[in-house]
């Protein structure tokens, strides 16, 4: 809701597999994913995007509530930005503006 109010068109997915399908069938500019999801992790989803020619350049933001920041940053070469929960709205909007500029 917050991102929609900020002017972004938002497409939501219930899990990583749905996110993969939506990304292949929709025009998207950035991916915001949770680190821990049903069916696959955010890092696994990022690996899929990076290996797909159509999606490999998409900016990826990983949201995590993991206290172990080293574990959360596994696969950091795949991720453009890490945000730790709880994420402040201004921080998320600033991150998106930077990635999309």
PDB file of N, CA and C in Angstrom:
ATOM      1  N   UNK A   1       0.822  -1.195   0.000  1.00  0.00           N
ATOM      2  CA  UNK A   1       0.000   0.000   0.000  1.00  0.00           C
ATOM      3  C   UNK A   1       0.870   1.265   0.000  1.00  0.00           C
ATOM      4  N   UNK A   2       1.894   1.250   0.818  1.00  0.00           N
ATOM      5  CA  UNK A   2       2.765   2.417   0.926  1.00  0.00           C
ATOM      6  C   UNK A   2       3.417   2.744  -0.404  1.00  0.00           C
ATOM      7  N   UNK A   3       3.891   1.730  -1.100  1.00  0.00           N
ATOM      8  CA  UNK A   3       4.542   1.972  -2.386  1.00  0.00           C
ATOM      9  C   UNK A   3       3.538   2.412  -3.437  1.00  0.00           C
ATOM     10  N   UNK A   4       2.337   1.889  -3.391  1.00  0.00           N
ATOM     11  CA  UNK A   4       1.298   2.335  -4.319  1.00  0.00           C
ATOM     12  C   UNK A   4       0.976   3.803  -4.084  1.00  0.00           C
ATOM     13  N   UNK A   5       0.879   4.195  -2.822  1.00  0.00           N
ATOM     14  CA  UNK A   5       0.622   5.609  -2.515  1.00  0.00           C
ATOM     15  C   UNK A   5       1.760   6.502  -2.976  1.00  0.00           C
ATOM     16  N   UNK A   6       2.967   5.948  -3.045  1.00  0.00           N
ATOM     17  CA  UNK A   6       4.135   6.713  -3.496  1.00  0.00           C
ATOM     18  C   UNK A   6       4.225   6.753  -5.021  1.00  0.00           C
ATOM     19  N   UNK A   7       3.266   6.110  -5.705  1.00  0.00           N
ATOM     20  CA  UNK A   7       3.225   6.188  -7.160  1.00  0.00           C
ATOM     21  C   UNK A   7       3.759   4.967  -7.889  1.00  0.00           C
ATOM     22  N   UNK A   8       4.151   3.948  -7.146  1.00  0.00           N
ATOM     23  CA  UNK A   8       4.655   2.731  -7.785  1.00  0.00           C
ATOM     24  C   UNK A   8       3.500   1.792  -8.112  1.00  0.00           C
ATOM     25  N   UNK A   9       3.610   1.100  -9.240  1.00  0.00           N
ATOM     26  CA  UNK A   9       2.676   0.022  -9.551  1.00  0.00           C
ATOM     27  C   UNK A   9       3.271  -1.234  -8.919  1.00  0.00           C
ATOM     28  N   UNK A  10       2.497  -1.908  -8.097  1.00  0.00           N
ATOM     29  CA  UNK A  10       2.998  -3.040  -7.323  1.00  0.00           C
ATOM     30  C   UNK A  10       2.313  -4.330  -7.784  1.00  0.00           C
ATOM     31  N   UNK A  11       3.119  -5.344  -8.025  1.00  0.00           N
ATOM     32  CA  UNK A  11       2.625  -6.685  -8.328  1.00  0.00           C
ATOM     33  C   UNK A  11       3.113  -7.574  -7.193  1.00  0.00           C
ATOM     34  N   UNK A  12       2.207  -8.272  -6.535  1.00  0.00           N
ATOM     35  CA  UNK A  12       2.607  -9.108  -5.407  1.00  0.00           C
ATOM     36  C   UNK A  12       2.553 -10.585  -5.771  1.00  0.00           C
ATOM     37  N   UNK A  13       3.423 -11.341  -5.123  1.00  0.00           N
ATOM     38  CA  UNK A  13       3.465 -12.796  -5.296  1.00  0.00           C
ATOM     39  C   UNK A  13       3.418 -13.429  -3.913  1.00  0.00           C
ATOM     40  N   UNK A  14       2.749 -14.551  -3.819  1.00  0.00           N
ATOM     41  CA  UNK A  14       2.612 -15.236  -2.539  1.00  0.00           C
ATOM     42  C   UNK A  14       3.847 -16.022  -2.136  1.00  0.00           C
ATOM     43  N   UNK A  15       4.700 -16.354  -3.106  1.00  0.00           N
ATOM     44  CA  UNK A  15       5.916 -17.115  -2.820  1.00  0.00           C
ATOM     45  C   UNK A  15       6.897 -16.936  -3.978  1.00  0.00           C
ATOM     46  N   UNK A  16       8.052 -17.557  -3.846  1.00  0.00           N
ATOM     47  CA  UNK A  16       9.089 -17.413  -4.860  1.00  0.00           C
ATOM     48  C   UNK A  16       8.718 -17.969  -6.224  1.00  0.00           C
ATOM     49  N   UNK A  17       8.007 -19.097  -6.250  1.00  0.00           N
ATOM     50  CA  UNK A  17       7.605 -19.676  -7.540  1.00  0.00           C
ATOM     51  C   UNK A  17       6.638 -18.758  -8.276  1.00  0.00           C
ATOM     52  N   UNK A  18       5.699 -18.192  -7.544  1.00  0.00           N
ATOM     53  CA  UNK A  18       4.763 -17.251  -8.169  1.00  0.00           C
ATOM     54  C   UNK A  18       5.506 -16.011  -8.654  1.00  0.00           C
ATOM     55  N   UNK A  19       6.484 -15.565  -7.901  1.00  0.00           N
ATOM     56  CA  UNK A  19       7.282 -14.406  -8.306  1.00  0.00           C
ATOM     57  C   UNK A  19       8.022 -14.676  -9.617  1.00  0.00           C
ATOM     58  N   UNK A  20       8.553 -15.883  -9.756  1.00  0.00           N
ATOM     59  CA  UNK A  20       9.232 -16.251 -11.001  1.00  0.00           C
ATOM     60  C   UNK A  20       8.272 -16.166 -12.179  1.00  0.00           C
ATOM     61  N   UNK A  21       7.084 -16.751 -12.027  1.00  0.00           N
ATOM     62  CA  UNK A  21       6.094 -16.749 -13.106  1.00  0.00           C
ATOM     63  C   UNK A  21       5.663 -15.330 -13.458  1.00  0.00           C
ATOM     64  N   UNK A  22       5.417 -14.506 -12.440  1.00  0.00           N
ATOM     65  CA  UNK A  22       4.991 -13.130 -12.691  1.00  0.00           C
ATOM     66  C   UNK A  22       6.090 -12.325 -13.381  1.00  0.00           C
ATOM     67  N   UNK A  23       7.324 -12.540 -12.976  1.00  0.00           N
ATOM     68  CA  UNK A  23       8.433 -11.803 -13.587  1.00  0.00           C
ATOM     69  C   UNK A  23       8.596 -12.158 -15.059  1.00  0.00           C
ATOM     70  N   UNK A  24       8.320 -13.406 -15.401  1.00  0.00           N
ATOM     71  CA  UNK A  24       8.440 -13.827 -16.793  1.00  0.00           C
ATOM     72  C   UNK A  24       7.292 -13.329 -17.661  1.00  0.00           C
ATOM     73  N   UNK A  25       6.162 -13.028 -17.032  1.00  0.00           N
ATOM     74  CA  UNK A  25       4.979 -12.646 -17.815  1.00  0.00           C
ATOM     75  C   UNK A  25       4.573 -11.181 -17.649  1.00  0.00           C
ATOM     76  N   UNK A  26       5.298 -10.418 -16.833  1.00  0.00           N
ATOM     77  CA  UNK A  26       4.938  -9.021 -16.566  1.00  0.00           C
ATOM     78  C   UNK A  26       6.136  -8.116 -16.810  1.00  0.00           C
ATOM     79  N   UNK A  27       5.851  -6.865 -17.103  1.00  0.00           N
ATOM     80  CA  UNK A  27       6.921  -5.870 -17.215  1.00  0.00           C
ATOM     81  C   UNK A  27       7.203  -5.344 -15.810  1.00  0.00           C
ATOM     82  N   UNK A  28       8.407  -5.583 -15.312  1.00  0.00           N
ATOM     83  CA  UNK A  28       8.761  -5.108 -13.978  1.00  0.00           C
ATOM     84  C   UNK A  28      10.083  -4.354 -14.033  1.00  0.00           C
ATOM     85  N   UNK A  29      10.252  -3.429 -13.090  1.00  0.00           N
ATOM     86  CA  UNK A  29      11.453  -2.598 -13.054  1.00  0.00           C
ATOM     87  C   UNK A  29      12.375  -2.925 -11.897  1.00  0.00           C
ATOM     88  N   UNK A  30      11.828  -3.531 -10.835  1.00  0.00           N
ATOM     89  CA  UNK A  30      12.617  -3.845  -9.644  1.00  0.00           C
ATOM     90  C   UNK A  30      11.924  -4.984  -8.905  1.00  0.00           C
ATOM     91  N   UNK A  31      12.713  -5.766  -8.177  1.00  0.00           N
ATOM     92  CA  UNK A  31      12.182  -6.864  -7.377  1.00  0.00           C
ATOM     93  C   UNK A  31      12.486  -6.575  -5.915  1.00  0.00           C
ATOM     94  N   UNK A  32      11.456  -6.669  -5.093  1.00  0.00           N
ATOM     95  CA  UNK A  32      11.627  -6.604  -3.639  1.00  0.00           C
ATOM     96  C   UNK A  32      11.193  -7.966  -3.116  1.00  0.00           C
ATOM     97  N   UNK A  33      12.115  -8.677  -2.492  1.00  0.00           N
ATOM     98  CA  UNK A  33      11.813 -10.029  -2.031  1.00  0.00           C
ATOM     99  C   UNK A  33      12.225 -10.215  -0.587  1.00  0.00           C
ATOM    100  N   UNK A  34      11.524 -11.110   0.074  1.00  0.00           N
ATOM    101  CA  UNK A  34      11.897 -11.482   1.429  1.00  0.00           C
ATOM    102  C   UNK A  34      12.992 -12.537   1.340  1.00  0.00           C
ATOM    103  N   UNK A  35      13.835 -12.604   2.332  1.00  0.00           N
ATOM    104  CA  UNK A  35      14.890 -13.609   2.348  1.00  0.00           C
ATOM    105  C   UNK A  35      14.310 -15.005   2.542  1.00  0.00           C
ATOM    106  N   UNK A  36      13.262 -15.102   3.346  1.00  0.00           N
ATOM    107  CA  UNK A  36      12.679 -16.406   3.652  1.00  0.00           C
ATOM    108  C   UNK A  36      11.241 -16.426   3.159  1.00  0.00           C
ATOM    109  N   UNK A  37      10.970 -17.344   2.211  1.00  0.00           N
ATOM    110  CA  UNK A  37       9.642 -17.483   1.614  1.00  0.00           C
ATOM    111  C   UNK A  37       9.344 -18.960   1.426  1.00  0.00           C
ATOM    112  N   UNK A  38       8.071 -19.302   1.217  1.00  0.00           N
ATOM    113  CA  UNK A  38       7.754 -20.688   0.861  1.00  0.00           C
ATOM    114  C   UNK A  38       8.368 -21.051  -0.495  1.00  0.00           C
ATOM    115  N   UNK A  39       8.772 -22.269  -0.637  1.00  0.00           N
ATOM    116  CA  UNK A  39       9.255 -22.878  -1.876  1.00  0.00           C
ATOM    117  C   UNK A  39      10.674 -22.490  -2.279  1.00  0.00           C
ATOM    118  N   UNK A  40      11.139 -21.303  -1.957  1.00  0.00           N
ATOM    119  CA  UNK A  40      12.518 -20.918  -2.265  1.00  0.00           C
ATOM    120  C   UNK A  40      12.883 -19.667  -1.483  1.00  0.00           C
ATOM    121  N   UNK A  41      14.161 -19.491  -1.250  1.00  0.00           N
ATOM    122  CA  UNK A  41      14.626 -18.303  -0.526  1.00  0.00           C
ATOM    123  C   UNK A  41      14.737 -17.113  -1.478  1.00  0.00           C
ATOM    124  N   UNK A  42      14.876 -15.943  -0.906  1.00  0.00           N
ATOM    125  CA  UNK A  42      15.098 -14.748  -1.714  1.00  0.00           C
ATOM    126  C   UNK A  42      16.388 -14.840  -2.510  1.00  0.00           C
ATOM    127  N   UNK A  43      17.412 -15.474  -1.925  1.00  0.00           N
ATOM    128  CA  UNK A  43      18.677 -15.658  -2.632  1.00  0.00           C
ATOM    129  C   UNK A  43      18.496 -16.598  -3.831  1.00  0.00           C
ATOM    130  N   UNK A  44      17.698 -17.652  -3.657  1.00  0.00           N
ATOM    131  CA  UNK A  44      17.433 -18.568  -4.772  1.00  0.00           C
ATOM    132  C   UNK A  44      16.656 -17.859  -5.878  1.00  0.00           C
ATOM    133  N   UNK A  45      15.708 -17.017  -5.486  1.00  0.00           N
ATOM    134  CA  UNK A  45      14.965 -16.242  -6.469  1.00  0.00           C
ATOM    135  C   UNK A  45      15.912 -15.306  -7.222  1.00  0.00           C
ATOM    136  N   UNK A  46      16.807 -14.652  -6.501  1.00  0.00           N
ATOM    137  CA  UNK A  46      17.782 -13.757  -7.141  1.00  0.00           C
ATOM    138  C   UNK A  46      18.671 -14.537  -8.105  1.00  0.00           C
ATOM    139  N   UNK A  47      19.071 -15.735  -7.727  1.00  0.00           N
ATOM    140  CA  UNK A  47      19.896 -16.567  -8.607  1.00  0.00           C
ATOM    141  C   UNK A  47      19.152 -16.871  -9.908  1.00  0.00           C
ATOM    142  N   UNK A  48      17.845 -17.158  -9.796  1.00  0.00           N
ATOM    143  CA  UNK A  48      17.029 -17.381 -10.998  1.00  0.00           C
ATOM    144  C   UNK A  48      17.031 -16.135 -11.883  1.00  0.00           C
ATOM    145  N   UNK A  49      16.789 -14.965 -11.297  1.00  0.00           N
ATOM    146  CA  UNK A  49      16.762 -13.728 -12.084  1.00  0.00           C
ATOM    147  C   UNK A  49      18.096 -13.493 -12.784  1.00  0.00           C
ATOM    148  N   UNK A  50      19.189 -13.679 -12.065  1.00  0.00           N
ATOM    149  CA  UNK A  50      20.515 -13.418 -12.641  1.00  0.00           C
ATOM    150  C   UNK A  50      20.866 -14.391 -13.757  1.00  0.00           C
ATOM    151  N   UNK A  51      20.277 -15.583 -13.736  1.00  0.00           N
ATOM    152  CA  UNK A  51      20.588 -16.570 -14.769  1.00  0.00           C
ATOM    153  C   UNK A  51      19.659 -16.474 -15.982  1.00  0.00           C
ATOM    154  N   UNK A  52      18.666 -15.599 -15.920  1.00  0.00           N
ATOM    155  CA  UNK A  52      17.705 -15.445 -17.009  1.00  0.00           C
ATOM    156  C   UNK A  52      18.059 -14.190 -17.805  1.00  0.00           C
ATOM    157  N   UNK A  53      18.281 -14.350 -19.101  1.00  0.00           N
ATOM    158  CA  UNK A  53      18.710 -13.221 -19.940  1.00  0.00           C
ATOM    159  C   UNK A  53      17.743 -12.039 -19.862  1.00  0.00           C
ATOM    160  N   UNK A  54      16.451 -12.310 -19.836  1.00  0.00           N
ATOM    161  CA  UNK A  54      15.441 -11.244 -19.805  1.00  0.00           C
ATOM    162  C   UNK A  54      15.439 -10.493 -18.468  1.00  0.00           C
ATOM    163  N   UNK A  55      15.781 -11.175 -17.386  1.00  0.00           N
ATOM    164  CA  UNK A  55      15.626 -10.610 -16.038  1.00  0.00           C
ATOM    165  C   UNK A  55      16.945 -10.313 -15.329  1.00  0.00           C
ATOM    166  N   UNK A  56      18.059 -10.608 -15.962  1.00  0.00           N
ATOM    167  CA  UNK A  56      19.351 -10.567 -15.268  1.00  0.00           C
ATOM    168  C   UNK A  56      19.775  -9.188 -14.782  1.00  0.00           C
ATOM    169  N   UNK A  57      19.266  -8.140 -15.388  1.00  0.00           N
ATOM    170  CA  UNK A  57      19.673  -6.778 -15.010  1.00  0.00           C
ATOM    171  C   UNK A  57      18.710  -6.107 -14.022  1.00  0.00           C
ATOM    172  N   UNK A  58      17.646  -6.811 -13.635  1.00  0.00           N
ATOM    173  CA  UNK A  58      16.682  -6.223 -12.695  1.00  0.00           C
ATOM    174  C   UNK A  58      17.346  -5.929 -11.358  1.00  0.00           C
ATOM    175  N   UNK A  59      17.132  -4.742 -10.807  1.00  0.00           N
ATOM    176  CA  UNK A  59      17.601  -4.487  -9.444  1.00  0.00           C
ATOM    177  C   UNK A  59      16.807  -5.361  -8.470  1.00  0.00           C
ATOM    178  N   UNK A  60      17.505  -5.923  -7.487  1.00  0.00           N
ATOM    179  CA  UNK A  60      16.871  -6.792  -6.500  1.00  0.00           C
ATOM    180  C   UNK A  60      17.151  -6.255  -5.105  1.00  0.00           C
ATOM    181  N   UNK A  61      16.068  -6.056  -4.342  1.00  0.00           N
ATOM    182  CA  UNK A  61      16.155  -5.636  -2.945  1.00  0.00           C
ATOM    183  C   UNK A  61      15.730  -6.827  -2.096  1.00  0.00           C
ATOM    184  N   UNK A  62      16.576  -7.218  -1.157  1.00  0.00           N
ATOM    185  CA  UNK A  62      16.276  -8.331  -0.271  1.00  0.00           C
ATOM    186  C   UNK A  62      15.925  -7.790   1.112  1.00  0.00           C
ATOM    187  N   UNK A  63      14.749  -8.150   1.593  1.00  0.00           N
ATOM    188  CA  UNK A  63      14.317  -7.788   2.942  1.00  0.00           C
ATOM    189  C   UNK A  63      14.579  -8.970   3.861  1.00  0.00           C
ATOM    190  N   UNK A  64      15.153  -8.706   5.000  1.00  0.00           N
ATOM    191  CA  UNK A  64      15.439  -9.803   5.921  1.00  0.00           C
ATOM    192  C   UNK A  64      15.224  -9.391   7.362  1.00  0.00           C
ATOM    193  N   UNK A  65      14.762 -10.347   8.135  1.00  0.00           N
ATOM    194  CA  UNK A  65      14.625 -10.168   9.572  1.00  0.00           C
ATOM    195  C   UNK A  65      15.650 -11.004  10.304  1.00  0.00           C
ATOM    196  N   UNK A  66      16.536 -11.653   9.558  1.00  0.00           N
ATOM    197  CA  UNK A  66      17.554 -12.499  10.171  1.00  0.00           C
ATOM    198  C   UNK A  66      18.498 -11.656  11.009  1.00  0.00           C
ATOM    199  N   UNK A  67      18.732 -12.111  12.215  1.00  0.00           N
ATOM    200  CA  UNK A  67      19.649 -11.383  13.094  1.00  0.00           C
ATOM    201  C   UNK A  67      21.102 -11.573  12.674  1.00  0.00           C
ATOM    202  N   UNK A  68      21.406 -12.740  12.120  1.00  0.00           N
ATOM    203  CA  UNK A  68      22.756 -13.022  11.664  1.00  0.00           C
ATOM    204  C   UNK A  68      22.945 -12.367  10.296  1.00  0.00           C
ATOM    205  N   UNK A  69      23.536 -11.203  10.278  1.00  0.00           N
ATOM    206  CA  UNK A  69      23.663 -10.444   9.033  1.00  0.00           C
ATOM    207  C   UNK A  69      24.580 -11.114   8.026  1.00  0.00           C
ATOM    208  N   UNK A  70      25.551 -11.869   8.496  1.00  0.00           N
ATOM    209  CA  UNK A  70      26.417 -12.597   7.561  1.00  0.00           C
ATOM    210  C   UNK A  70      25.620 -13.667   6.826  1.00  0.00           C
ATOM    211  N   UNK A  71      24.777 -14.389   7.544  1.00  0.00           N
ATOM    212  CA  UNK A  71      23.941 -15.412   6.912  1.00  0.00           C
ATOM    213  C   UNK A  71      22.949 -14.771   5.962  1.00  0.00           C
ATOM    214  N   UNK A  72      22.388 -13.632   6.358  1.00  0.00           N
ATOM    215  CA  UNK A  72      21.421 -12.932   5.511  1.00  0.00           C
ATOM    216  C   UNK A  72      22.075 -12.456   4.221  1.00  0.00           C
ATOM    217  N   UNK A  73      23.355 -12.129   4.287  1.00  0.00           N
ATOM    218  CA  UNK A  73      24.063 -11.585   3.126  1.00  0.00           C
ATOM    219  C   UNK A  73      24.633 -12.671   2.218  1.00  0.00           C
ATOM    220  N   UNK A  74      24.338 -13.936   2.497  1.00  0.00           N
ATOM    221  CA  UNK A  74      24.794 -15.013   1.616  1.00  0.00           C
ATOM    222  C   UNK A  74      24.257 -14.747   0.212  1.00  0.00           C
ATOM    223  N   UNK A  75      25.105 -14.860  -0.766  1.00  0.00           N
ATOM    224  CA  UNK A  75      24.696 -14.572  -2.140  1.00  0.00           C
ATOM    225  C   UNK A  75      24.647 -13.087  -2.426  1.00  0.00           C
ATOM    226  N   UNK A  76      25.410 -12.300  -1.672  1.00  0.00           N
ATOM    227  CA  UNK A  76      25.333 -10.837  -1.799  1.00  0.00           C
ATOM    228  C   UNK A  76      25.683 -10.327  -3.187  1.00  0.00           C
ATOM    229  N   UNK A  77      26.443 -11.126  -3.966  1.00  0.00           N
ATOM    230  CA  UNK A  77      26.766 -10.697  -5.333  1.00  0.00           C
ATOM    231  C   UNK A  77      25.532 -10.706  -6.234  1.00  0.00           C
ATOM    232  N   UNK A  78      24.465 -11.336  -5.774  1.00  0.00           N
ATOM    233  CA  UNK A  78      23.217 -11.400  -6.544  1.00  0.00           C
ATOM    234  C   UNK A  78      22.251 -10.262  -6.212  1.00  0.00           C
ATOM    235  N   UNK A  79      22.466  -9.619  -5.084  1.00  0.00           N
ATOM    236  CA  UNK A  79      21.513  -8.658  -4.519  1.00  0.00           C
ATOM    237  C   UNK A  79      22.059  -7.240  -4.661  1.00  0.00           C
ATOM    238  N   UNK A  80      21.189  -6.302  -5.043  1.00  0.00           N
ATOM    239  CA  UNK A  80      21.611  -4.902  -5.185  1.00  0.00           C
ATOM    240  C   UNK A  80      21.487  -4.121  -3.885  1.00  0.00           C
ATOM    241  N   UNK A  81      20.541  -4.503  -3.026  1.00  0.00           N
ATOM    242  CA  UNK A  81      20.365  -3.795  -1.758  1.00  0.00           C
ATOM    243  C   UNK A  81      19.778  -4.742  -0.718  1.00  0.00           C
ATOM    244  N   UNK A  82      20.308  -4.662   0.503  1.00  0.00           N
ATOM    245  CA  UNK A  82      19.780  -5.402   1.640  1.00  0.00           C
ATOM    246  C   UNK A  82      19.110  -4.419   2.576  1.00  0.00           C
ATOM    247  N   UNK A  83      17.902  -4.723   3.000  1.00  0.00           N
ATOM    248  CA  UNK A  83      17.218  -3.905   3.993  1.00  0.00           C
ATOM    249  C   UNK A  83      16.793  -4.823   5.133  1.00  0.00           C
ATOM    250  N   UNK A  84      17.076  -4.392   6.358  1.00  0.00           N
ATOM    251  CA  UNK A  84      16.785  -5.205   7.528  1.00  0.00           C
ATOM    252  C   UNK A  84      15.473  -4.768   8.160  1.00  0.00           C
ATOM    253  N   UNK A  85      14.634  -5.750   8.470  1.00  0.00           N
ATOM    254  CA  UNK A  85      13.314  -5.497   9.058  1.00  0.00           C
ATOM    255  C   UNK A  85      13.463  -5.106  10.526  1.00  0.00           C
ATOM    256  N   UNK A  86      12.591  -4.273  10.988  1.00  0.00           N
ATOM    257  CA  UNK A  86      11.525  -3.606  10.242  1.00  0.00           C
ATOM    258  C   UNK A  86      12.099  -2.502   9.355  1.00  0.00           C
ATOM    259  N   UNK A  87      11.602  -2.416   8.146  1.00  0.00           N
ATOM    260  CA  UNK A  87      12.093  -1.439   7.169  1.00  0.00           C
ATOM    261  C   UNK A  87      11.268  -0.161   7.294  1.00  0.00           C
ATOM    262  N   UNK A  88      11.961   0.941   7.428  1.00  0.00           N
ATOM    263  CA  UNK A  88      11.275   2.236   7.464  1.00  0.00           C
ATOM    264  C   UNK A  88      10.881   2.625   6.040  1.00  0.00           C
ATOM    265  N   UNK A  89       9.695   3.185   5.914  1.00  0.00           N
ATOM    266  CA  UNK A  89       9.153   3.551   4.604  1.00  0.00           C
ATOM    267  C   UNK A  89      10.105   4.465   3.847  1.00  0.00           C
ATOM    268  N   UNK A  90      10.633   5.471   4.511  1.00  0.00           N
ATOM    269  CA  UNK A  90      11.540   6.409   3.846  1.00  0.00           C
ATOM    270  C   UNK A  90      12.802   5.711   3.336  1.00  0.00           C
ATOM    271  N   UNK A  91      13.290   4.740   4.086  1.00  0.00           N
ATOM    272  CA  UNK A  91      14.484   3.996   3.671  1.00  0.00           C
ATOM    273  C   UNK A  91      14.175   3.175   2.416  1.00  0.00           C
ATOM    274  N   UNK A  92      13.029   2.513   2.393  1.00  0.00           N
ATOM    275  CA  UNK A  92      12.645   1.723   1.223  1.00  0.00           C
ATOM    276  C   UNK A  92      12.454   2.615   0.003  1.00  0.00           C
ATOM    277  N   UNK A  93      11.749   3.728   0.169  1.00  0.00           N
ATOM    278  CA  UNK A  93      11.526   4.638  -0.967  1.00  0.00           C
ATOM    279  C   UNK A  93      12.844   5.213  -1.474  1.00  0.00           C
ATOM    280  N   UNK A  94      13.736   5.551  -0.585  1.00  0.00           N
ATOM    281  CA  UNK A  94      15.050   6.076  -0.983  1.00  0.00           C
ATOM    282  C   UNK A  94      15.856   5.020  -1.735  1.00  0.00           C
ATOM    283  N   UNK A  95      15.810   3.791  -1.243  1.00  0.00           N
ATOM    284  CA  UNK A  95      16.510   2.679  -1.895  1.00  0.00           C
ATOM    285  C   UNK A  95      15.982   2.486  -3.310  1.00  0.00           C
ATOM    286  N   UNK A  96      14.671   2.468  -3.468  1.00  0.00           N
ATOM    287  CA  UNK A  96      14.075   2.285  -4.796  1.00  0.00           C
ATOM    288  C   UNK A  96      14.434   3.432  -5.734  1.00  0.00           C
ATOM    289  N   UNK A  97      14.366   4.646  -5.240  1.00  0.00           N
ATOM    290  CA  UNK A  97      14.710   5.807  -6.068  1.00  0.00           C
ATOM    291  C   UNK A  97      16.152   5.697  -6.566  1.00  0.00           C
ATOM    292  N   UNK A  98      17.049   5.278  -5.702  1.00  0.00           N
ATOM    293  CA  UNK A  98      18.451   5.139  -6.082  1.00  0.00           C
ATOM    294  C   UNK A  98      18.630   4.040  -7.135  1.00  0.00           C
ATOM    295  N   UNK A  99      17.993   2.894  -6.923  1.00  0.00           N
ATOM    296  CA  UNK A  99      18.134   1.784  -7.855  1.00  0.00           C
ATOM    297  C   UNK A  99      17.497   2.052  -9.215  1.00  0.00           C
ATOM    298  N   UNK A 100      16.437   2.862  -9.224  1.00  0.00           N
ATOM    299  CA  UNK A 100      15.726   3.117 -10.469  1.00  0.00           C
ATOM    300  C   UNK A 100      16.195   4.368 -11.209  1.00  0.00           C
ATOM    301  N   UNK A 101      17.141   5.098 -10.631  1.00  0.00           N
ATOM    302  CA  UNK A 101      17.619   6.327 -11.277  1.00  0.00           C
ATOM    303  C   UNK A 101      18.641   6.047 -12.355  1.00  0.00           C
TER     304      UNK A 101
END
